[in-house]
Amino acid sequence: MLTVCFLAAAEALQMPVRMAPSATRAAPAPRMEMSEAAAAERIKAMVGGNKVFLFMKGNKLFPQCGFSNTAIQILNTCNVEYETFDVLSDMAIRDGVKK
């Protein structure tokens, strides 16, 4: 767990990380590219199924940027029911939300 947190912090700060060979991460699984129309449909379905939906970096329990953290704190303080989506997990959705 500590290694994962350290790696996430180092990546966020864009610091080079040297690790022992036994601690190296596996190569990420190849992602299937989603068409722009498919991404738009997924976004529409996510937003349509919830009164409040937050596209953010990270998730409810582990926001990965200041804006996401502030938004989560506000929603939690107001006792609002909401859902989130980690835009770092899917670049097609991240780009689709921007459009």
PDB file of N, CA and C in Angstrom:
ATOM      1  N   MET A   1       0.821  -1.189   0.000  1.00  0.00           N
ATOM      2  CA  MET A   1       0.000   0.000   0.000  1.00  0.00           C
ATOM      3  C   MET A   1       0.869   1.259   0.000  1.00  0.00           C
ATOM      4  N   LEU A   2       1.925   1.250   0.806  1.00  0.00           N
ATOM      5  CA  LEU A   2       2.810   2.391   0.876  1.00  0.00           C
ATOM      6  C   LEU A   2       3.486   2.644  -0.471  1.00  0.00           C
ATOM      7  N   THR A   3       3.877   1.572  -1.150  1.00  0.00           N
ATOM      8  CA  THR A   3       4.514   1.716  -2.460  1.00  0.00           C
ATOM      9  C   THR A   3       3.565   2.372  -3.448  1.00  0.00           C
ATOM     10  N   VAL A   4       2.295   1.964  -3.436  1.00  0.00           N
ATOM     11  CA  VAL A   4       1.297   2.532  -4.353  1.00  0.00           C
ATOM     12  C   VAL A   4       1.114   4.018  -4.064  1.00  0.00           C
ATOM     13  N   CYS A   5       1.001   4.383  -2.781  1.00  0.00           N
ATOM     14  CA  CYS A   5       0.831   5.798  -2.421  1.00  0.00           C
ATOM     15  C   CYS A   5       2.053   6.610  -2.828  1.00  0.00           C
ATOM     16  N   PHE A   6       3.236   6.063  -2.610  1.00  0.00           N
ATOM     17  CA  PHE A   6       4.464   6.753  -2.989  1.00  0.00           C
ATOM     18  C   PHE A   6       4.525   6.962  -4.500  1.00  0.00           C
ATOM     19  N   LEU A   7       4.167   5.925  -5.247  1.00  0.00           N
ATOM     20  CA  LEU A   7       4.193   6.034  -6.712  1.00  0.00           C
ATOM     21  C   LEU A   7       3.199   7.069  -7.197  1.00  0.00           C
ATOM     22  N   ALA A   8       2.002   7.096  -6.603  1.00  0.00           N
ATOM     23  CA  ALA A   8       0.986   8.069  -7.007  1.00  0.00           C
ATOM     24  C   ALA A   8       1.476   9.487  -6.718  1.00  0.00           C
ATOM     25  N   ALA A   9       2.096   9.689  -5.550  1.00  0.00           N
ATOM     26  CA  ALA A   9       2.606  11.009  -5.205  1.00  0.00           C
ATOM     27  C   ALA A   9       3.747  11.410  -6.135  1.00  0.00           C
ATOM     28  N   ALA A  10       4.638  10.491  -6.438  1.00  0.00           N
ATOM     29  CA  ALA A  10       5.764  10.782  -7.327  1.00  0.00           C
ATOM     30  C   ALA A  10       5.272  11.117  -8.730  1.00  0.00           C
ATOM     31  N   GLU A  11       4.269  10.383  -9.215  1.00  0.00           N
ATOM     32  CA  GLU A  11       3.720  10.664 -10.540  1.00  0.00           C
ATOM     33  C   GLU A  11       3.056  12.025 -10.566  1.00  0.00           C
ATOM     34  N   ALA A  12       2.323  12.375  -9.493  1.00  0.00           N
ATOM     35  CA  ALA A  12       1.652  13.668  -9.436  1.00  0.00           C
ATOM     36  C   ALA A  12       2.666  14.806  -9.456  1.00  0.00           C
ATOM     37  N   LEU A  13       3.805  14.601  -8.826  1.00  0.00           N
ATOM     38  CA  LEU A  13       4.845  15.622  -8.797  1.00  0.00           C
ATOM     39  C   LEU A  13       5.807  15.503  -9.968  1.00  0.00           C
ATOM     40  N   GLN A  14       5.596  14.523 -10.819  1.00  0.00           N
ATOM     41  CA  GLN A  14       6.419  14.246 -11.993  1.00  0.00           C
ATOM     42  C   GLN A  14       7.875  14.026 -11.597  1.00  0.00           C
ATOM     43  N   MET A  15       8.055  13.227 -10.540  1.00  0.00           N
ATOM     44  CA  MET A  15       9.390  12.902 -10.064  1.00  0.00           C
ATOM     45  C   MET A  15       9.794  11.535 -10.590  1.00  0.00           C
ATOM     46  N   PRO A  16      11.065  11.373 -10.986  1.00  0.00           N
ATOM     47  CA  PRO A  16      11.504  10.037 -11.390  1.00  0.00           C
ATOM     48  C   PRO A  16      11.567   9.131 -10.163  1.00  0.00           C
ATOM     49  N   VAL A  17      11.211   7.888 -10.348  1.00  0.00           N
ATOM     50  CA  VAL A  17      11.200   6.925  -9.248  1.00  0.00           C
ATOM     51  C   VAL A  17      12.087   5.755  -9.634  1.00  0.00           C
ATOM     52  N   ARG A  18      13.021   5.409  -8.778  1.00  0.00           N
ATOM     53  CA  ARG A  18      13.861   4.231  -8.982  1.00  0.00           C
ATOM     54  C   ARG A  18      13.417   3.185  -7.991  1.00  0.00           C
ATOM     55  N   MET A  19      13.082   2.012  -8.498  1.00  0.00           N
ATOM     56  CA  MET A  19      12.589   0.954  -7.630  1.00  0.00           C
ATOM     57  C   MET A  19      13.415  -0.301  -7.854  1.00  0.00           C
ATOM     58  N   ALA A  20      13.413  -1.137  -6.839  1.00  0.00           N
ATOM     59  CA  ALA A  20      14.074  -2.427  -6.966  1.00  0.00           C
ATOM     60  C   ALA A  20      13.328  -3.241  -8.012  1.00  0.00           C
ATOM     61  N   PRO A  21      14.009  -4.142  -8.728  1.00  0.00           N
ATOM     62  CA  PRO A  21      13.338  -4.934  -9.765  1.00  0.00           C
ATOM     63  C   PRO A  21      12.104  -5.670  -9.257  1.00  0.00           C
ATOM     64  N   SER A  22      12.091  -6.092  -8.012  1.00  0.00           N
ATOM     65  CA  SER A  22      10.938  -6.830  -7.487  1.00  0.00           C
ATOM     66  C   SER A  22       9.734  -5.928  -7.264  1.00  0.00           C
ATOM     67  N   ALA A  23       9.944  -4.617  -7.221  1.00  0.00           N
ATOM     68  CA  ALA A  23       8.851  -3.695  -6.936  1.00  0.00           C
ATOM     69  C   ALA A  23       8.279  -3.048  -8.186  1.00  0.00           C
ATOM     70  N   THR A  24       8.743  -3.435  -9.359  1.00  0.00           N
ATOM     71  CA  THR A  24       8.257  -2.798 -10.580  1.00  0.00           C
ATOM     72  C   THR A  24       6.803  -3.174 -10.835  1.00  0.00           C
ATOM     73  N   ARG A  25       6.115  -2.252 -11.473  1.00  0.00           N
ATOM     74  CA  ARG A  25       4.699  -2.475 -11.776  1.00  0.00           C
ATOM     75  C   ARG A  25       4.553  -3.227 -13.091  1.00  0.00           C
ATOM     76  N   ALA A  26       3.477  -3.966 -13.191  1.00  0.00           N
ATOM     77  CA  ALA A  26       3.182  -4.672 -14.438  1.00  0.00           C
ATOM     78  C   ALA A  26       2.770  -3.657 -15.499  1.00  0.00           C
ATOM     79  N   ALA A  27       2.973  -4.004 -16.738  1.00  0.00           N
ATOM     80  CA  ALA A  27       2.568  -3.129 -17.840  1.00  0.00           C
ATOM     81  C   ALA A  27       1.054  -2.987 -17.830  1.00  0.00           C
ATOM     82  N   PRO A  28       0.532  -1.771 -18.084  1.00  0.00           N
ATOM     83  CA  PRO A  28      -0.915  -1.581 -18.087  1.00  0.00           C
ATOM     84  C   PRO A  28      -1.570  -2.368 -19.217  1.00  0.00           C
ATOM     85  N   ALA A  29      -2.782  -2.796 -18.955  1.00  0.00           N
ATOM     86  CA  ALA A  29      -3.529  -3.539 -19.973  1.00  0.00           C
ATOM     87  C   ALA A  29      -3.862  -2.596 -21.125  1.00  0.00           C
ATOM     88  N   PRO A  30      -3.824  -3.069 -22.355  1.00  0.00           N
ATOM     89  CA  PRO A  30      -4.159  -2.194 -23.479  1.00  0.00           C
ATOM     90  C   PRO A  30      -5.619  -1.771 -23.392  1.00  0.00           C
ATOM     91  N   ARG A  31      -5.872  -0.504 -23.697  1.00  0.00           N
ATOM     92  CA  ARG A  31      -7.236   0.016 -23.640  1.00  0.00           C
ATOM     93  C   ARG A  31      -7.850  -0.009 -25.035  1.00  0.00           C
ATOM     94  N   MET A  32      -9.103  -0.327 -25.069  1.00  0.00           N
ATOM     95  CA  MET A  32      -9.839  -0.268 -26.322  1.00  0.00           C
ATOM     96  C   MET A  32     -10.292   1.182 -26.503  1.00  0.00           C
ATOM     97  N   GLU A  33     -10.013   1.755 -27.645  1.00  0.00           N
ATOM     98  CA  GLU A  33     -10.432   3.120 -27.907  1.00  0.00           C
ATOM     99  C   GLU A  33     -11.934   3.153 -28.157  1.00  0.00           C
ATOM    100  N   MET A  34     -12.593   4.081 -27.530  1.00  0.00           N
ATOM    101  CA  MET A  34     -14.032   4.225 -27.651  1.00  0.00           C
ATOM    102  C   MET A  34     -14.307   5.351 -28.648  1.00  0.00           C
ATOM    103  N   SER A  35     -15.304   5.170 -29.471  1.00  0.00           N
ATOM    104  CA  SER A  35     -15.644   6.220 -30.425  1.00  0.00           C
ATOM    105  C   SER A  35     -16.220   7.417 -29.673  1.00  0.00           C
ATOM    106  N   GLU A  36     -16.152   8.561 -30.313  1.00  0.00           N
ATOM    107  CA  GLU A  36     -16.678   9.783 -29.712  1.00  0.00           C
ATOM    108  C   GLU A  36     -18.162   9.660 -29.410  1.00  0.00           C
ATOM    109  N   ALA A  37     -18.906   9.038 -30.326  1.00  0.00           N
ATOM    110  CA  ALA A  37     -20.354   8.850 -30.124  1.00  0.00           C
ATOM    111  C   ALA A  37     -20.625   7.910 -28.950  1.00  0.00           C
ATOM    112  N   ALA A  38     -19.834   6.838 -28.820  1.00  0.00           N
ATOM    113  CA  ALA A  38     -20.020   5.894 -27.718  1.00  0.00           C
ATOM    114  C   ALA A  38     -19.707   6.568 -26.385  1.00  0.00           C
ATOM    115  N   ALA A  39     -18.670   7.396 -26.367  1.00  0.00           N
ATOM    116  CA  ALA A  39     -18.323   8.119 -25.139  1.00  0.00           C
ATOM    117  C   ALA A  39     -19.452   9.079 -24.756  1.00  0.00           C
ATOM    118  N   ALA A  40     -20.006   9.772 -25.747  1.00  0.00           N
ATOM    119  CA  ALA A  40     -21.109  10.702 -25.478  1.00  0.00           C
ATOM    120  C   ALA A  40     -22.324   9.969 -24.917  1.00  0.00           C
ATOM    121  N   GLU A  41     -22.606   8.787 -25.446  1.00  0.00           N
ATOM    122  CA  GLU A  41     -23.730   7.993 -24.932  1.00  0.00           C
ATOM    123  C   GLU A  41     -23.488   7.537 -23.495  1.00  0.00           C
ATOM    124  N   ARG A  42     -22.265   7.112 -23.189  1.00  0.00           N
ATOM    125  CA  ARG A  42     -21.935   6.707 -21.818  1.00  0.00           C
ATOM    126  C   ARG A  42     -22.069   7.884 -20.860  1.00  0.00           C
ATOM    127  N   ILE A  43     -21.590   9.049 -21.281  1.00  0.00           N
ATOM    128  CA  ILE A  43     -21.687  10.248 -20.440  1.00  0.00           C
ATOM    129  C   ILE A  43     -23.151  10.593 -20.192  1.00  0.00           C
ATOM    130  N   LYS A  44     -23.942  10.542 -21.257  1.00  0.00           N
ATOM    131  CA  LYS A  44     -25.367  10.858 -21.137  1.00  0.00           C
ATOM    132  C   LYS A  44     -26.056   9.895 -20.178  1.00  0.00           C
ATOM    133  N   ALA A  45     -25.712   8.616 -20.248  1.00  0.00           N
ATOM    134  CA  ALA A  45     -26.304   7.622 -19.355  1.00  0.00           C
ATOM    135  C   ALA A  45     -25.895   7.854 -17.899  1.00  0.00           C
ATOM    136  N   MET A  46     -24.623   8.186 -17.675  1.00  0.00           N
ATOM    137  CA  MET A  46     -24.163   8.429 -16.304  1.00  0.00           C
ATOM    138  C   MET A  46     -24.854   9.643 -15.704  1.00  0.00           C
ATOM    139  N   VAL A  47     -24.912  10.729 -16.466  1.00  0.00           N
ATOM    140  CA  VAL A  47     -25.508  11.960 -15.973  1.00  0.00           C
ATOM    141  C   VAL A  47     -27.021  11.798 -15.821  1.00  0.00           C
ATOM    142  N   GLY A  48     -27.648  11.132 -16.774  1.00  0.00           N
ATOM    143  CA  GLY A  48     -29.095  10.969 -16.743  1.00  0.00           C
ATOM    144  C   GLY A  48     -29.598  10.103 -15.601  1.00  0.00           C
ATOM    145  N   GLY A  49     -28.777   9.214 -15.108  1.00  0.00           N
ATOM    146  CA  GLY A  49     -29.198   8.314 -14.045  1.00  0.00           C
ATOM    147  C   GLY A  49     -29.012   8.860 -12.642  1.00  0.00           C
ATOM    148  N   ASN A  50     -28.532  10.094 -12.513  1.00  0.00           N
ATOM    149  CA  ASN A  50     -28.250  10.665 -11.192  1.00  0.00           C
ATOM    150  C   ASN A  50     -28.609  12.144 -11.161  1.00  0.00           C
ATOM    151  N   LYS A  51     -29.085  12.610  -9.987  1.00  0.00           N
ATOM    152  CA  LYS A  51     -29.383  14.034  -9.850  1.00  0.00           C
ATOM    153  C   LYS A  51     -28.095  14.845  -9.830  1.00  0.00           C
ATOM    154  N   VAL A  52     -27.068  14.321  -9.160  1.00  0.00           N
ATOM    155  CA  VAL A  52     -25.772  14.996  -9.103  1.00  0.00           C
ATOM    156  C   VAL A  52     -24.707  13.981  -9.503  1.00  0.00           C
ATOM    157  N   PHE A  53     -23.908  14.349 -10.495  1.00  0.00           N
ATOM    158  CA  PHE A  53     -22.854  13.462 -10.973  1.00  0.00           C
ATOM    159  C   PHE A  53     -21.602  14.290 -11.165  1.00  0.00           C
ATOM    160  N   LEU A  54     -20.492  13.830 -10.588  1.00  0.00           N
ATOM    161  CA  LEU A  54     -19.244  14.577 -10.631  1.00  0.00           C
ATOM    162  C   LEU A  54     -18.193  13.803 -11.414  1.00  0.00           C
ATOM    163  N   PHE A  55     -17.726  14.392 -12.493  1.00  0.00           N
ATOM    164  CA  PHE A  55     -16.588  13.848 -13.226  1.00  0.00           C
ATOM    165  C   PHE A  55     -15.354  14.462 -12.569  1.00  0.00           C
ATOM    166  N   MET A  56     -14.500  13.610 -12.037  1.00  0.00           N
ATOM    167  CA  MET A  56     -13.395  14.118 -11.229  1.00  0.00           C
ATOM    168  C   MET A  56     -12.146  13.281 -11.409  1.00  0.00           C
ATOM    169  N   LYS A  57     -11.041  13.781 -10.880  1.00  0.00           N
ATOM    170  CA  LYS A  57      -9.802  13.004 -10.835  1.00  0.00           C
ATOM    171  C   LYS A  57      -9.806  12.270  -9.498  1.00  0.00           C
ATOM    172  N   GLY A  58      -9.850  10.960  -9.563  1.00  0.00           N
ATOM    173  CA  GLY A  58      -9.933  10.148  -8.350  1.00  0.00           C
ATOM    174  C   GLY A  58     -11.361   9.694  -8.109  1.00  0.00           C
ATOM    175  N   ASN A  59     -11.661   9.382  -6.845  1.00  0.00           N
ATOM    176  CA  ASN A  59     -13.012   8.947  -6.492  1.00  0.00           C
ATOM    177  C   ASN A  59     -13.434   9.570  -5.168  1.00  0.00           C
ATOM    178  N   LYS A  60     -14.624   9.228  -4.689  1.00  0.00           N
ATOM    179  CA  LYS A  60     -15.152   9.811  -3.461  1.00  0.00           C
ATOM    180  C   LYS A  60     -14.195   9.651  -2.282  1.00  0.00           C
ATOM    181  N   LEU A  61     -13.582   8.498  -2.191  1.00  0.00           N
ATOM    182  CA  LEU A  61     -12.720   8.203  -1.049  1.00  0.00           C
ATOM    183  C   LEU A  61     -11.301   8.708  -1.216  1.00  0.00           C
ATOM    184  N   PHE A  62     -10.856   8.915  -2.462  1.00  0.00           N
ATOM    185  CA  PHE A  62      -9.481   9.337  -2.712  1.00  0.00           C
ATOM    186  C   PHE A  62      -9.426  10.317  -3.877  1.00  0.00           C
ATOM    187  N   PRO A  63      -9.887  11.576  -3.646  1.00  0.00           N
ATOM    188  CA  PRO A  63      -9.786  12.581  -4.702  1.00  0.00           C
ATOM    189  C   PRO A  63      -8.315  12.834  -5.021  1.00  0.00           C
ATOM    190  N   GLN A  64      -7.995  13.050  -6.301  1.00  0.00           N
ATOM    191  CA  GLN A  64      -6.601  13.183  -6.695  1.00  0.00           C
ATOM    192  C   GLN A  64      -6.232  14.581  -7.175  1.00  0.00           C
ATOM    193  N   CYS A  65      -7.044  15.568  -6.862  1.00  0.00           N
ATOM    194  CA  CYS A  65      -6.659  16.953  -7.125  1.00  0.00           C
ATOM    195  C   CYS A  65      -7.426  17.852  -6.165  1.00  0.00           C
ATOM    196  N   GLY A  66      -6.973  19.079  -6.035  1.00  0.00           N
ATOM    197  CA  GLY A  66      -7.584  20.011  -5.097  1.00  0.00           C
ATOM    198  C   GLY A  66      -9.032  20.329  -5.414  1.00  0.00           C
ATOM    199  N   PHE A  67      -9.336  20.528  -6.702  1.00  0.00           N
ATOM    200  CA  PHE A  67     -10.712  20.838  -7.078  1.00  0.00           C
ATOM    201  C   PHE A  67     -11.639  19.672  -6.741  1.00  0.00           C
ATOM    202  N   SER A  68     -11.216  18.455  -7.073  1.00  0.00           N
ATOM    203  CA  SER A  68     -12.031  17.275  -6.779  1.00  0.00           C
ATOM    204  C   SER A  68     -12.247  17.142  -5.278  1.00  0.00           C
ATOM    205  N   ASN A  69     -11.209  17.355  -4.498  1.00  0.00           N
ATOM    206  CA  ASN A  69     -11.319  17.266  -3.045  1.00  0.00           C
ATOM    207  C   ASN A  69     -12.304  18.301  -2.504  1.00  0.00           C
ATOM    208  N   THR A  70     -12.219  19.538  -2.990  1.00  0.00           N
ATOM    209  CA  THR A  70     -13.123  20.595  -2.539  1.00  0.00           C
ATOM    210  C   THR A  70     -14.567  20.276  -2.912  1.00  0.00           C
ATOM    211  N   ALA A  71     -14.783  19.799  -4.134  1.00  0.00           N
ATOM    212  CA  ALA A  71     -16.143  19.453  -4.576  1.00  0.00           C
ATOM    213  C   ALA A  71     -16.732  18.340  -3.710  1.00  0.00           C
ATOM    214  N   ILE A  72     -15.933  17.326  -3.402  1.00  0.00           N
ATOM    215  CA  ILE A  72     -16.392  16.215  -2.554  1.00  0.00           C
ATOM    216  C   ILE A  72     -16.744  16.722  -1.154  1.00  0.00           C
ATOM    217  N   GLN A  73     -15.902  17.585  -0.591  1.00  0.00           N
ATOM    218  CA  GLN A  73     -16.169  18.120   0.739  1.00  0.00           C
ATOM    219  C   GLN A  73     -17.465  18.913   0.769  1.00  0.00           C
ATOM    220  N   ILE A  74     -17.710  19.716  -0.258  1.00  0.00           N
ATOM    221  CA  ILE A  74     -18.947  20.500  -0.328  1.00  0.00           C
ATOM    222  C   ILE A  74     -20.153  19.579  -0.413  1.00  0.00           C
ATOM    223  N   LEU A  75     -20.102  18.587  -1.308  1.00  0.00           N
ATOM    224  CA  LEU A  75     -21.236  17.674  -1.466  1.00  0.00           C
ATOM    225  C   LEU A  75     -21.480  16.875  -0.186  1.00  0.00           C
ATOM    226  N   ASN A  76     -20.425  16.425   0.471  1.00  0.00           N
ATOM    227  CA  ASN A  76     -20.585  15.671   1.724  1.00  0.00           C
ATOM    228  C   ASN A  76     -21.148  16.552   2.830  1.00  0.00           C
ATOM    229  N   THR A  77     -20.696  17.795   2.917  1.00  0.00           N
ATOM    230  CA  THR A  77     -21.184  18.722   3.943  1.00  0.00           C
ATOM    231  C   THR A  77     -22.675  19.009   3.749  1.00  0.00           C
ATOM    232  N   CYS A  78     -23.097  19.079   2.500  1.00  0.00           N
ATOM    233  CA  CYS A  78     -24.511  19.366   2.196  1.00  0.00           C
ATOM    234  C   CYS A  78     -25.379  18.111   2.224  1.00  0.00           C
ATOM    235  N   ASN A  79     -24.786  16.961   2.547  1.00  0.00           N
ATOM    236  CA  ASN A  79     -25.508  15.680   2.583  1.00  0.00           C
ATOM    237  C   ASN A  79     -26.239  15.393   1.273  1.00  0.00           C
ATOM    238  N   VAL A  80     -25.581  15.669   0.174  1.00  0.00           N
ATOM    239  CA  VAL A  80     -26.136  15.440  -1.154  1.00  0.00           C
ATOM    240  C   VAL A  80     -25.774  14.030  -1.605  1.00  0.00           C
ATOM    241  N   GLU A  81     -26.748  13.321  -2.175  1.00  0.00           N
ATOM    242  CA  GLU A  81     -26.453  12.022  -2.779  1.00  0.00           C
ATOM    243  C   GLU A  81     -25.884  12.285  -4.167  1.00  0.00           C
ATOM    244  N   TYR A  82     -24.760  11.655  -4.460  1.00  0.00           N
ATOM    245  CA  TYR A  82     -24.104  11.889  -5.737  1.00  0.00           C
ATOM    246  C   TYR A  82     -23.289  10.675  -6.134  1.00  0.00           C
ATOM    247  N   GLU A  83     -22.942  10.631  -7.401  1.00  0.00           N
ATOM    248  CA  GLU A  83     -22.061   9.598  -7.938  1.00  0.00           C
ATOM    249  C   GLU A  83     -20.892  10.293  -8.611  1.00  0.00           C
ATOM    250  N   THR A  84     -19.805   9.554  -8.770  1.00  0.00           N
ATOM    251  CA  THR A  84     -18.610  10.119  -9.395  1.00  0.00           C
ATOM    252  C   THR A  84     -18.069   9.174 -10.453  1.00  0.00           C
ATOM    253  N   PHE A  85     -17.224   9.735 -11.309  1.00  0.00           N
ATOM    254  CA  PHE A  85     -16.493   8.941 -12.288  1.00  0.00           C
ATOM    255  C   PHE A  85     -15.076   9.475 -12.335  1.00  0.00           C
ATOM    256  N   ASP A  86     -14.097   8.588 -12.256  1.00  0.00           N
ATOM    257  CA  ASP A  86     -12.688   8.955 -12.309  1.00  0.00           C
ATOM    258  C   ASP A  86     -12.275   9.139 -13.770  1.00  0.00           C
ATOM    259  N   VAL A  87     -12.091  10.387 -14.182  1.00  0.00           N
ATOM    260  CA  VAL A  87     -11.738  10.663 -15.580  1.00  0.00           C
ATOM    261  C   VAL A  87     -10.335  10.191 -15.932  1.00  0.00           C
ATOM    262  N   LEU A  88      -9.511   9.910 -14.930  1.00  0.00           N
ATOM    263  CA  LEU A  88      -8.174   9.396 -15.199  1.00  0.00           C
ATOM    264  C   LEU A  88      -8.208   7.941 -15.652  1.00  0.00           C
ATOM    265  N   SER A  89      -9.333   7.275 -15.439  1.00  0.00           N
ATOM    266  CA  SER A  89      -9.440   5.867 -15.803  1.00  0.00           C
ATOM    267  C   SER A  89      -9.879   5.644 -17.251  1.00  0.00           C
ATOM    268  N   ASP A  90     -10.376   6.688 -17.916  1.00  0.00           N
ATOM    269  CA  ASP A  90     -10.882   6.528 -19.282  1.00  0.00           C
ATOM    270  C   ASP A  90     -10.716   7.841 -20.037  1.00  0.00           C
ATOM    271  N   MET A  91      -9.740   7.878 -20.915  1.00  0.00           N
ATOM    272  CA  MET A  91      -9.442   9.126 -21.636  1.00  0.00           C
ATOM    273  C   MET A  91     -10.558   9.521 -22.604  1.00  0.00           C
ATOM    274  N   ALA A  92     -11.289   8.563 -23.137  1.00  0.00           N
ATOM    275  CA  ALA A  92     -12.394   8.893 -24.051  1.00  0.00           C
ATOM    276  C   ALA A  92     -13.482   9.663 -23.300  1.00  0.00           C
ATOM    277  N   ILE A  93     -13.788   9.223 -22.086  1.00  0.00           N
ATOM    278  CA  ILE A  93     -14.791   9.922 -21.265  1.00  0.00           C
ATOM    279  C   ILE A  93     -14.255  11.282 -20.863  1.00  0.00           C
ATOM    280  N   ARG A  94     -12.975  11.343 -20.472  1.00  0.00           N
ATOM    281  CA  ARG A  94     -12.374  12.614 -20.072  1.00  0.00           C
ATOM    282  C   ARG A  94     -12.455  13.627 -21.197  1.00  0.00           C
ATOM    283  N   ASP A  95     -12.110  13.218 -22.420  1.00  0.00           N
ATOM    284  CA  ASP A  95     -12.192  14.108 -23.570  1.00  0.00           C
ATOM    285  C   ASP A  95     -13.642  14.446 -23.900  1.00  0.00           C
ATOM    286  N   GLY A  96     -14.538  13.462 -23.773  1.00  0.00           N
ATOM    287  CA  GLY A  96     -15.952  13.688 -24.067  1.00  0.00           C
ATOM    288  C   GLY A  96     -16.590  14.701 -23.134  1.00  0.00           C
ATOM    289  N   VAL A  97     -16.212  14.683 -21.871  1.00  0.00           N
ATOM    290  CA  VAL A  97     -16.756  15.635 -20.894  1.00  0.00           C
ATOM    291  C   VAL A  97     -16.303  17.044 -21.244  1.00  0.00           C
ATOM    292  N   LYS A  98     -15.100  17.176 -21.718  1.00  0.00           N
ATOM    293  CA  LYS A  98     -14.591  18.501 -22.104  1.00  0.00           C
ATOM    294  C   LYS A  98     -15.360  19.079 -23.273  1.00  0.00           C
ATOM    295  N   LYS A  99     -15.825  18.182 -24.175  1.00  0.00           N
ATOM    296  CA  LYS A  99     -16.569  18.650 -25.346  1.00  0.00           C
ATOM    297  C   LYS A  99     -17.979  18.971 -24.967  1.00  0.00           C
TER     298      LYS A  99
END
